[in-house]
Amino acid sequence: MAVPKIKVSKARRNSRKANWKVSTPSVVKCPHCHEYT
């Protein structure tokens, strides 16, 4: 309870964003079926 949720959320979000950026070239959304392949 002492640790603010926002702080944890921000750190997790930042880590996730970095991961997504690295995975972006690998994961491409199909404009026709709107699915991640």
N, C-alpha and C. Protein backbone atom coordinates (compact mmCIF):
# COMPACT_ATOMS: atom_id res chain seq x y z
N MET A 1 0.84 -1.21 0.00
CA MET A 1 0.00 0.00 0.00
C MET A 1 0.87 1.25 0.00
N ALA A 2 2.06 1.12 0.54
CA ALA A 2 2.95 2.28 0.64
C ALA A 2 3.44 2.70 -0.74
N VAL A 3 3.58 1.73 -1.63
CA VAL A 3 4.08 2.04 -2.97
C VAL A 3 2.92 2.50 -3.85
N PRO A 4 3.03 3.69 -4.44
CA PRO A 4 1.97 4.21 -5.29
C PRO A 4 1.80 3.37 -6.55
N LYS A 5 0.55 3.12 -6.91
CA LYS A 5 0.27 2.30 -8.10
C LYS A 5 0.78 2.98 -9.37
N ILE A 6 0.69 4.30 -9.38
CA ILE A 6 1.08 5.04 -10.59
C ILE A 6 2.55 4.79 -10.90
N LYS A 7 3.39 4.82 -9.85
CA LYS A 7 4.82 4.62 -10.06
C LYS A 7 5.08 3.26 -10.71
N VAL A 8 4.47 2.22 -10.16
CA VAL A 8 4.67 0.88 -10.69
C VAL A 8 4.13 0.80 -12.11
N SER A 9 2.96 1.40 -12.31
CA SER A 9 2.33 1.35 -13.63
C SER A 9 3.23 2.03 -14.67
N LYS A 10 3.79 3.17 -14.28
CA LYS A 10 4.64 3.92 -15.21
C LYS A 10 5.87 3.10 -15.60
N ALA A 11 6.49 2.49 -14.61
CA ALA A 11 7.70 1.69 -14.87
C ALA A 11 7.35 0.51 -15.78
N ARG A 12 6.23 -0.15 -15.45
CA ARG A 12 5.83 -1.29 -16.25
C ARG A 12 5.48 -0.85 -17.67
N ARG A 13 4.81 0.29 -17.77
CA ARG A 13 4.40 0.79 -19.08
C ARG A 13 5.64 1.11 -19.94
N ASN A 14 6.62 1.73 -19.31
CA ASN A 14 7.84 2.08 -20.02
C ASN A 14 8.55 0.82 -20.54
N SER A 15 8.61 -0.17 -19.69
CA SER A 15 9.26 -1.43 -20.07
C SER A 15 8.50 -2.07 -21.23
N ARG A 16 7.19 -2.03 -21.13
CA ARG A 16 6.36 -2.64 -22.16
C ARG A 16 6.55 -1.90 -23.48
N LYS A 17 6.58 -0.58 -23.41
CA LYS A 17 6.72 0.23 -24.63
C LYS A 17 8.04 -0.10 -25.32
N ALA A 18 9.10 -0.24 -24.52
CA ALA A 18 10.42 -0.56 -25.08
C ALA A 18 10.37 -1.92 -25.76
N ASN A 19 9.67 -2.85 -25.12
CA ASN A 19 9.55 -4.19 -25.69
C ASN A 19 8.79 -4.13 -27.01
N TRP A 20 7.71 -3.36 -27.01
CA TRP A 20 6.88 -3.24 -28.23
C TRP A 20 7.68 -2.64 -29.37
N LYS A 21 8.48 -1.64 -29.05
CA LYS A 21 9.26 -0.96 -30.08
C LYS A 21 10.23 -1.95 -30.74
N VAL A 22 10.81 -2.82 -29.95
CA VAL A 22 11.75 -3.81 -30.48
C VAL A 22 11.00 -4.85 -31.31
N SER A 23 9.78 -5.15 -30.87
CA SER A 23 9.00 -6.19 -31.55
C SER A 23 8.24 -5.64 -32.76
N THR A 24 8.17 -4.32 -32.86
CA THR A 24 7.40 -3.71 -33.95
C THR A 24 7.80 -4.21 -35.33
N PRO A 25 9.09 -4.23 -35.67
CA PRO A 25 9.49 -4.69 -37.01
C PRO A 25 9.09 -6.15 -37.25
N SER A 26 9.07 -6.94 -36.18
CA SER A 26 8.73 -8.36 -36.31
C SER A 26 7.22 -8.54 -36.44
N VAL A 27 6.48 -7.78 -35.62
CA VAL A 27 5.03 -7.92 -35.62
C VAL A 27 4.41 -6.85 -36.52
N VAL A 28 3.70 -7.29 -37.55
CA VAL A 28 3.07 -6.35 -38.48
C VAL A 28 1.58 -6.64 -38.56
N LYS A 29 0.78 -5.56 -38.46
CA LYS A 29 -0.68 -5.74 -38.51
C LYS A 29 -1.15 -5.75 -39.96
N CYS A 30 -1.88 -6.79 -40.31
CA CYS A 30 -2.38 -6.91 -41.68
C CYS A 30 -3.52 -5.93 -41.89
N PRO A 31 -3.45 -5.08 -42.91
CA PRO A 31 -4.49 -4.08 -43.16
C PRO A 31 -5.81 -4.70 -43.63
N HIS A 32 -5.74 -5.96 -44.08
CA HIS A 32 -6.96 -6.60 -44.60
C HIS A 32 -7.71 -7.34 -43.50
N CYS A 33 -6.97 -8.22 -42.78
CA CYS A 33 -7.65 -9.01 -41.74
C CYS A 33 -7.49 -8.38 -40.37
N HIS A 34 -6.71 -7.28 -40.28
CA HIS A 34 -6.51 -6.57 -39.01
C HIS A 34 -5.99 -7.52 -37.94
N GLU A 35 -5.06 -8.36 -38.31
CA GLU A 35 -4.50 -9.29 -37.34
C GLU A 35 -2.99 -9.15 -37.28
N TYR A 36 -2.43 -9.42 -36.10
CA TYR A 36 -0.98 -9.31 -35.93
C TYR A 36 -0.29 -10.60 -36.35
N THR A 37 0.57 -10.50 -37.34
CA THR A 37 1.28 -11.70 -37.81
C THR A 37 2.78 -11.50 -37.69
